[in-house]
């Protein structure tokens, strides 16, 4: 009956063993001091009990040495936990620069997942073994939480903003995916499976599961043209909107004088609420596309903007734009 019962989930990511080590250290320290305190309370209660009603307890003068010991030792242990936890936290929430981006949209009650190559999944996530994977996540409705116990990874998925998490799978297999934030009547049904595959098998899966020959960036380029974004965001002097070539993750100055980083969240806000942060030198004339594009469409547009770079020649960009409008 208990053949498949596990007290702890399987260790299947590069961070899982580090999280477990920190967790067991804190549990060990807590159990040690719990046992020590219970033992001392019991011993002292017996040893120093009042043996008769006429007995007068001796005054306790205290001990500076003991006070220093029970102050310094817990302080050192607390600082060790703090430093260890801080390093682990930054490691867990700082994805490697070469991580593969995968886009996740939570919706009552399913996980919609899209790969950069254009492959789409629902309640399933296929990833290659030994490759860092960065999840860029948002929600269409309420707060969800993307939780894979075997990876020791959990991140809230919040409507109106992007949250990120990353992992690197170290063992092939199938692993449970849960929503760990109560999100409605069918919250318990918002589950899925993460499939970790050998790199070669993952490439075969990408080819087999492809429903379109276009990547997310290519689909974003088509949407960019359909919405007429290219009529204003030109790489020319006097354009009505700022050029988007090379803008991703770059510092831009707003008309208020503030400098902001043009990351995914900034680009999303600029698409859905463009007057919130207007680039210096341009008028707040861009219309909002809120209600006109879905979260998946916004991710496609961002993927296209990410694909633009300063190395792309202006003539190449103009040629590509003309091809899309034909």
Protein backbone atom coordinates (compact mmCIF):
# COMPACT_ATOMS: atom_id res chain seq x y z
CA UNK A 1 0.00 0.00 0.00
CA UNK A 2 2.88 2.36 0.76
CA UNK A 3 5.12 1.29 -2.14
CA UNK A 4 4.69 4.65 -3.94
CA UNK A 5 4.48 6.76 -0.78
CA UNK A 6 7.16 9.44 -0.46
CA UNK A 7 7.64 11.77 2.47
CA UNK A 8 9.52 14.21 0.27
CA UNK A 9 9.12 14.79 -3.49
CA UNK A 10 11.73 13.50 -5.89
CA UNK A 11 14.85 15.63 -6.39
CA UNK A 12 14.83 16.52 -10.09
CA UNK A 13 16.35 19.99 -10.53
CA UNK A 14 19.65 21.74 -9.92
CA UNK A 15 18.13 23.80 -7.09
CA UNK A 16 16.18 21.02 -5.37
CA UNK A 17 19.08 19.59 -3.37
CA UNK A 18 20.17 23.09 -2.29
CA UNK A 19 16.66 23.91 -1.07
CA UNK A 20 16.47 20.59 0.78
CA UNK A 21 19.85 21.15 2.46
CA UNK A 22 18.75 24.55 3.77
CA UNK A 23 15.38 23.17 4.86
CA UNK A 24 16.91 20.22 6.74
CA UNK A 25 19.46 22.51 8.39
CA UNK A 26 16.68 24.72 9.79
CA UNK A 27 14.67 21.66 10.86
CA UNK A 28 17.77 20.20 12.54
CA UNK A 29 18.54 23.41 14.45
CA UNK A 30 14.90 23.74 15.52
CA UNK A 31 14.72 20.13 16.72
CA UNK A 32 18.02 20.47 18.59
CA UNK A 33 16.93 23.53 20.55
CA UNK A 34 13.42 22.16 21.09
CA UNK A 35 14.90 19.00 22.60
CA UNK A 36 17.44 20.98 24.64
CA UNK A 37 14.82 23.34 26.07
CA UNK A 38 12.39 20.53 26.95
CA UNK A 39 15.20 18.54 28.57
CA UNK A 40 16.50 21.48 30.61
CA UNK A 41 13.01 22.51 31.71
CA UNK A 42 12.34 18.95 32.88
CA UNK A 43 15.69 18.60 34.68
CA UNK A 44 15.46 22.00 36.35
CA UNK A 45 11.83 21.44 37.36
CA UNK A 46 12.86 18.26 39.18
CA UNK A 47 16.19 19.44 40.57
CA UNK A 48 15.08 22.85 41.82
CA UNK A 49 11.56 21.96 42.91
CA UNK A 50 10.40 23.21 46.28
CA UNK A 51 10.88 20.28 48.63
CA UNK A 52 8.89 21.67 51.60
CA UNK A 53 6.72 24.65 52.47
CA UNK A 54 9.36 25.94 54.87
CA UNK A 55 12.12 25.92 52.27
CA UNK A 56 13.43 29.30 51.19
CA UNK A 57 14.92 29.31 47.66
CA UNK A 58 18.44 30.56 47.31
CA UNK A 59 18.81 33.81 45.33
CA UNK A 60 20.12 33.42 41.77
CA UNK A 61 22.81 35.95 40.99
CA UNK A 62 23.04 35.12 37.29
CA UNK A 63 26.01 34.37 35.09
CA UNK A 64 27.40 36.74 32.49
CA UNK A 65 29.14 33.81 30.81
CA UNK A 66 25.89 31.87 30.35
CA UNK A 67 24.02 34.95 29.14
CA UNK A 68 26.70 35.58 26.51
CA UNK A 69 26.58 31.95 25.40
CA UNK A 70 22.81 31.82 24.90
CA UNK A 71 22.89 35.19 23.16
CA UNK A 72 25.88 34.78 20.85
CA UNK A 73 25.22 31.21 19.69
CA UNK A 74 21.60 31.86 18.54
CA UNK A 75 22.78 35.11 16.91
CA UNK A 76 25.45 33.28 14.91
CA UNK A 77 22.98 30.58 13.87
CA UNK A 78 20.46 33.24 12.82
CA UNK A 79 23.07 35.02 10.71
CA UNK A 80 24.08 31.73 9.09
CA UNK A 81 20.43 31.07 8.19
CA UNK A 82 20.00 34.60 6.89
CA UNK A 83 23.13 34.55 4.72
CA UNK A 84 22.44 31.03 3.44
CA UNK A 85 18.80 31.87 2.71
CA UNK A 86 19.71 35.12 0.95
CA UNK A 87 22.22 33.41 -1.35
CA UNK A 88 19.72 30.65 -2.10
CA UNK A 89 16.98 33.20 -2.76
CA UNK A 90 19.05 35.13 -5.30
CA UNK A 91 20.13 31.90 -6.98
CA UNK A 92 16.52 30.75 -7.27
CA UNK A 93 15.22 34.04 -8.66
CA UNK A 94 18.10 34.95 -10.98
CA UNK A 95 17.83 32.87 -14.16
CA UNK A 96 21.01 32.24 -16.19
CA UNK A 97 21.54 34.55 -19.15
CA UNK A 98 21.35 31.63 -21.58
CA UNK A 99 18.07 30.26 -20.20
CA UNK A 100 15.40 29.20 -22.69
CA UNK A 101 12.27 31.34 -22.42
CA UNK A 102 8.90 29.61 -22.14
CA UNK A 103 5.70 31.62 -21.76
CA UNK A 104 2.94 30.62 -19.34
CA UNK A 105 -0.58 32.06 -19.05
CA UNK A 106 -2.77 30.93 -16.17
CA UNK A 107 -6.53 30.83 -16.68
CA UNK A 108 -9.35 29.31 -14.66
CA UNK A 109 -8.64 26.44 -14.68
CA UNK A 110 -5.75 25.56 -16.96
CA UNK A 111 -2.14 26.33 -17.79
CA UNK A 112 -1.56 27.62 -21.32
CA UNK A 113 2.08 27.26 -22.33
CA UNK A 114 3.89 28.40 -25.46
CA UNK A 115 7.44 27.69 -26.62
CA UNK A 116 9.51 30.26 -28.57
CA UNK A 117 9.34 27.95 -31.61
CA UNK A 118 5.55 28.35 -31.62
CA UNK A 119 4.55 25.03 -30.02
CA UNK A 120 1.57 25.32 -27.69
CA UNK A 121 0.56 23.12 -24.76
CA UNK A 122 -2.27 23.01 -22.24
CA UNK A 123 -1.55 21.59 -18.77
CA UNK A 124 1.65 20.05 -20.11
CA UNK A 125 5.20 21.32 -20.32
CA UNK A 126 7.95 19.57 -22.27
CA UNK A 127 11.53 20.66 -21.50
CA UNK A 128 15.01 19.35 -22.37
CA UNK A 129 17.25 17.79 -19.74
CA UNK A 130 20.13 19.92 -18.47
CA UNK A 131 18.90 23.18 -20.03
CA UNK A 132 17.99 26.21 -17.88
CA UNK A 133 14.36 27.14 -18.52
CA UNK A 134 12.99 30.58 -17.68
CA UNK A 135 9.22 30.82 -17.26
CA UNK A 136 7.62 34.18 -18.06
CA UNK A 137 4.16 34.03 -16.51
CA UNK A 138 0.97 36.04 -16.22
CA UNK A 139 -2.71 35.40 -15.55
CA UNK A 140 -5.85 36.23 -17.50
CA UNK A 141 -8.13 36.36 -14.46
CA UNK A 142 -7.09 35.73 -10.83
CA UNK A 143 -3.91 34.89 -8.93
CA UNK A 144 -2.59 31.40 -9.60
CA UNK A 145 0.67 29.77 -8.47
CA UNK A 146 2.91 27.61 -10.66
CA UNK A 147 4.26 24.82 -8.43
CA UNK A 148 6.45 21.84 -9.38
CA UNK A 149 7.38 20.02 -6.12
CA UNK A 150 10.13 17.90 -7.70
CA UNK A 151 11.90 21.09 -8.80
CA UNK A 152 11.27 22.87 -5.46
CA UNK A 153 9.92 25.74 -7.55
CA UNK A 154 6.80 27.80 -6.85
CA UNK A 155 5.89 31.25 -8.15
CA UNK A 156 2.66 33.25 -8.03
CA UNK A 157 1.14 34.06 -11.41
CA UNK A 158 -0.47 37.48 -11.13
CA UNK A 159 -2.93 39.25 -13.46
CA UNK A 160 -1.66 42.51 -14.91
CA UNK A 161 2.04 41.80 -14.55
CA UNK A 162 4.77 39.30 -15.36
CA UNK A 163 6.48 37.07 -12.85
CA UNK A 164 9.44 34.85 -13.67
CA UNK A 165 10.88 31.62 -12.34
CA UNK A 166 13.50 29.23 -13.62
CA UNK A 167 14.69 25.69 -13.22
CA UNK A 168 17.17 23.24 -14.73
CA UNK A 169 15.91 19.66 -14.78
CA UNK A 170 18.51 17.04 -13.84
CA UNK A 171 16.50 13.86 -14.32
CA UNK A 172 14.24 12.69 -17.12
CA UNK A 173 10.70 11.70 -16.24
CA UNK A 174 7.21 13.04 -15.58
CA UNK A 175 6.61 15.45 -12.72
CA UNK A 176 3.45 16.88 -11.19
CA UNK A 177 2.45 20.49 -11.84
CA UNK A 178 -0.01 22.15 -9.46
CA UNK A 179 -1.69 25.49 -8.89
CA UNK A 180 -0.76 26.29 -5.29
CA UNK A 181 -3.02 29.35 -4.91
CA UNK A 182 -6.76 28.90 -4.41
CA UNK A 183 -8.27 30.30 -7.60
CA UNK A 184 -11.90 29.17 -7.67
CA UNK A 185 -14.24 26.22 -7.49
CA UNK A 186 -12.13 24.00 -9.76
CA UNK A 187 -8.78 24.96 -8.27
CA UNK A 188 -8.00 21.32 -7.45
CA UNK A 189 -8.38 20.44 -11.15
CA UNK A 190 -5.77 22.97 -12.25
CA UNK A 191 -3.00 20.40 -12.52
CA UNK A 192 -0.60 19.25 -15.20
CA UNK A 193 2.57 17.37 -15.99
CA UNK A 194 6.13 18.45 -16.74
CA UNK A 195 7.92 16.10 -19.13
CA UNK A 196 11.72 16.19 -18.93
CA UNK A 197 13.29 14.72 -22.06
CA UNK A 198 16.72 14.13 -23.48
CA UNK A 199 17.72 17.07 -25.73
CA UNK A 200 17.42 14.96 -28.89
CA UNK A 201 13.99 13.65 -27.88
CA UNK A 202 12.91 17.21 -27.08
CA UNK A 203 13.86 18.38 -30.58
CA UNK A 204 11.91 15.45 -32.04
CA UNK A 205 8.92 16.44 -29.90
CA UNK A 206 9.14 20.05 -31.13
CA UNK A 207 8.99 18.85 -34.72
CA UNK A 208 6.16 16.38 -34.09
CA UNK A 209 4.00 18.79 -32.08
CA UNK A 210 4.47 21.82 -34.35
CA UNK A 211 1.06 23.06 -35.50
CA UNK A 212 2.48 26.00 -37.43
CA UNK A 213 5.75 26.80 -39.15
CA UNK A 214 6.04 30.17 -37.41
CA UNK A 215 7.81 31.01 -34.20
CA UNK A 216 6.38 33.33 -31.55
CA UNK A 217 8.51 36.18 -32.88
CA UNK A 218 7.23 35.59 -36.43
CA UNK A 219 3.63 35.51 -35.24
CA UNK A 220 4.34 38.67 -33.26
CA UNK A 221 5.73 40.34 -36.40
CA UNK A 222 2.48 39.59 -38.27
CA UNK A 223 0.39 40.92 -35.38
CA UNK A 224 2.66 43.98 -35.18
CA UNK A 225 1.83 44.75 -38.81
CA UNK A 226 -1.89 43.97 -38.48
CA UNK A 227 -2.25 46.39 -35.57
CA UNK A 228 -0.43 49.10 -37.52
CA UNK A 229 2.40 49.44 -35.03
CA UNK A 230 4.91 49.84 -37.87
CA UNK A 231 3.24 53.07 -39.02
CA UNK A 232 4.44 54.93 -35.93
CA UNK A 233 7.39 52.98 -34.52
CA UNK A 234 9.72 53.62 -37.44
CA UNK A 235 13.48 53.86 -37.31
CA UNK A 236 13.41 57.35 -38.81
CA UNK A 237 13.80 60.88 -37.56
CA UNK A 238 10.42 62.49 -36.99
CA UNK A 239 8.55 59.22 -36.39
CA UNK A 240 5.47 59.51 -34.19
CA UNK A 241 6.71 56.79 -31.85
CA UNK A 242 10.11 55.66 -30.56
CA UNK A 243 12.02 53.03 -32.50
CA UNK A 244 11.71 49.59 -30.95
CA UNK A 245 14.94 48.25 -32.45
CA UNK A 246 17.21 47.21 -29.59
CA UNK A 247 14.90 48.66 -26.96
CA UNK A 248 14.36 45.45 -24.99
CA UNK A 249 16.09 45.51 -21.56
CA UNK A 250 17.55 48.95 -22.35
CA UNK A 251 17.16 52.04 -20.16
CA UNK A 252 14.75 54.58 -21.65
CA UNK A 253 13.99 58.09 -20.46
CA UNK A 254 10.38 59.11 -19.90
CA UNK A 255 8.88 62.53 -20.41
CA UNK A 256 8.93 62.90 -16.61
CA UNK A 257 12.73 62.57 -16.66
CA UNK A 258 12.62 59.14 -15.02
CA UNK A 259 14.79 56.31 -16.36
CA UNK A 260 13.12 52.90 -16.62
CA UNK A 261 14.20 49.53 -17.95
CA UNK A 262 12.29 48.38 -21.02
CA UNK A 263 11.75 44.84 -19.76
CA UNK A 264 8.79 42.56 -20.47
CA UNK A 265 6.58 44.26 -17.87
CA UNK A 266 7.32 47.72 -19.29
CA UNK A 267 6.54 46.57 -22.85
CA UNK A 268 3.29 44.95 -21.71
CA UNK A 269 2.24 48.14 -19.93
CA UNK A 270 3.15 50.22 -22.99
CA UNK A 271 0.89 48.04 -25.16
CA UNK A 272 -2.11 47.96 -22.80
CA UNK A 273 -1.71 51.32 -21.06
CA UNK A 274 0.58 53.43 -23.29
CA UNK A 275 -0.03 56.80 -21.60
CA UNK A 276 1.26 55.53 -18.25
CA UNK A 277 4.92 55.85 -19.23
CA UNK A 278 5.55 58.01 -22.28
CA UNK A 279 9.06 58.14 -23.74
CA UNK A 280 10.70 61.56 -23.68
CA UNK A 281 10.36 63.47 -26.94
CA UNK A 282 7.08 61.86 -27.97
CA UNK A 283 3.46 62.82 -27.47
CA UNK A 284 1.01 60.53 -25.59
CA UNK A 285 -0.96 59.66 -28.74
CA UNK A 286 -0.65 55.87 -28.80
CA UNK A 287 -4.06 54.16 -28.38
CA UNK A 288 -4.53 51.37 -25.90
CA UNK A 289 -4.84 47.80 -27.15
CA UNK A 290 -6.44 46.58 -23.95
CA UNK A 291 -9.36 44.33 -24.84
CA UNK A 292 -8.13 44.03 -28.44
CA UNK A 293 -5.27 41.61 -27.82
CA UNK A 294 -5.09 38.59 -25.53
CA UNK A 295 -2.29 37.83 -23.10
CA UNK A 296 -0.91 35.35 -25.64
CA UNK A 297 -0.90 38.10 -28.29
CA UNK A 298 0.96 40.45 -25.96
CA UNK A 299 3.60 37.78 -25.41
CA UNK A 300 3.97 37.34 -29.17
CA UNK A 301 4.46 41.09 -29.63
CA UNK A 302 7.07 41.13 -26.86
CA UNK A 303 8.84 38.14 -28.43
CA UNK A 304 9.01 40.06 -31.72
CA UNK A 305 10.35 43.19 -30.04
CA UNK A 306 12.96 41.07 -28.28
CA UNK A 307 14.06 39.72 -31.66
CA UNK A 308 14.86 43.23 -32.94
CA UNK A 309 18.45 44.29 -32.43
CA UNK A 310 20.82 47.09 -33.37
CA UNK A 311 22.72 44.63 -35.54
CA UNK A 312 19.70 44.38 -37.84
CA UNK A 313 20.26 46.72 -40.74
CA UNK A 314 17.54 49.37 -41.29
CA UNK A 315 17.17 48.22 -44.89
CA UNK A 316 16.52 44.67 -43.66
CA UNK A 317 13.86 45.92 -41.26
CA UNK A 318 12.13 47.96 -43.95
CA UNK A 319 12.20 45.02 -46.32
CA UNK A 320 10.73 42.73 -43.69
CA UNK A 321 8.00 45.25 -42.89
CA UNK A 322 7.09 45.65 -46.57
CA UNK A 323 6.87 41.88 -46.94
CA UNK A 324 4.44 41.66 -44.02
CA UNK A 325 2.17 44.37 -45.42
CA UNK A 326 1.90 42.82 -48.87
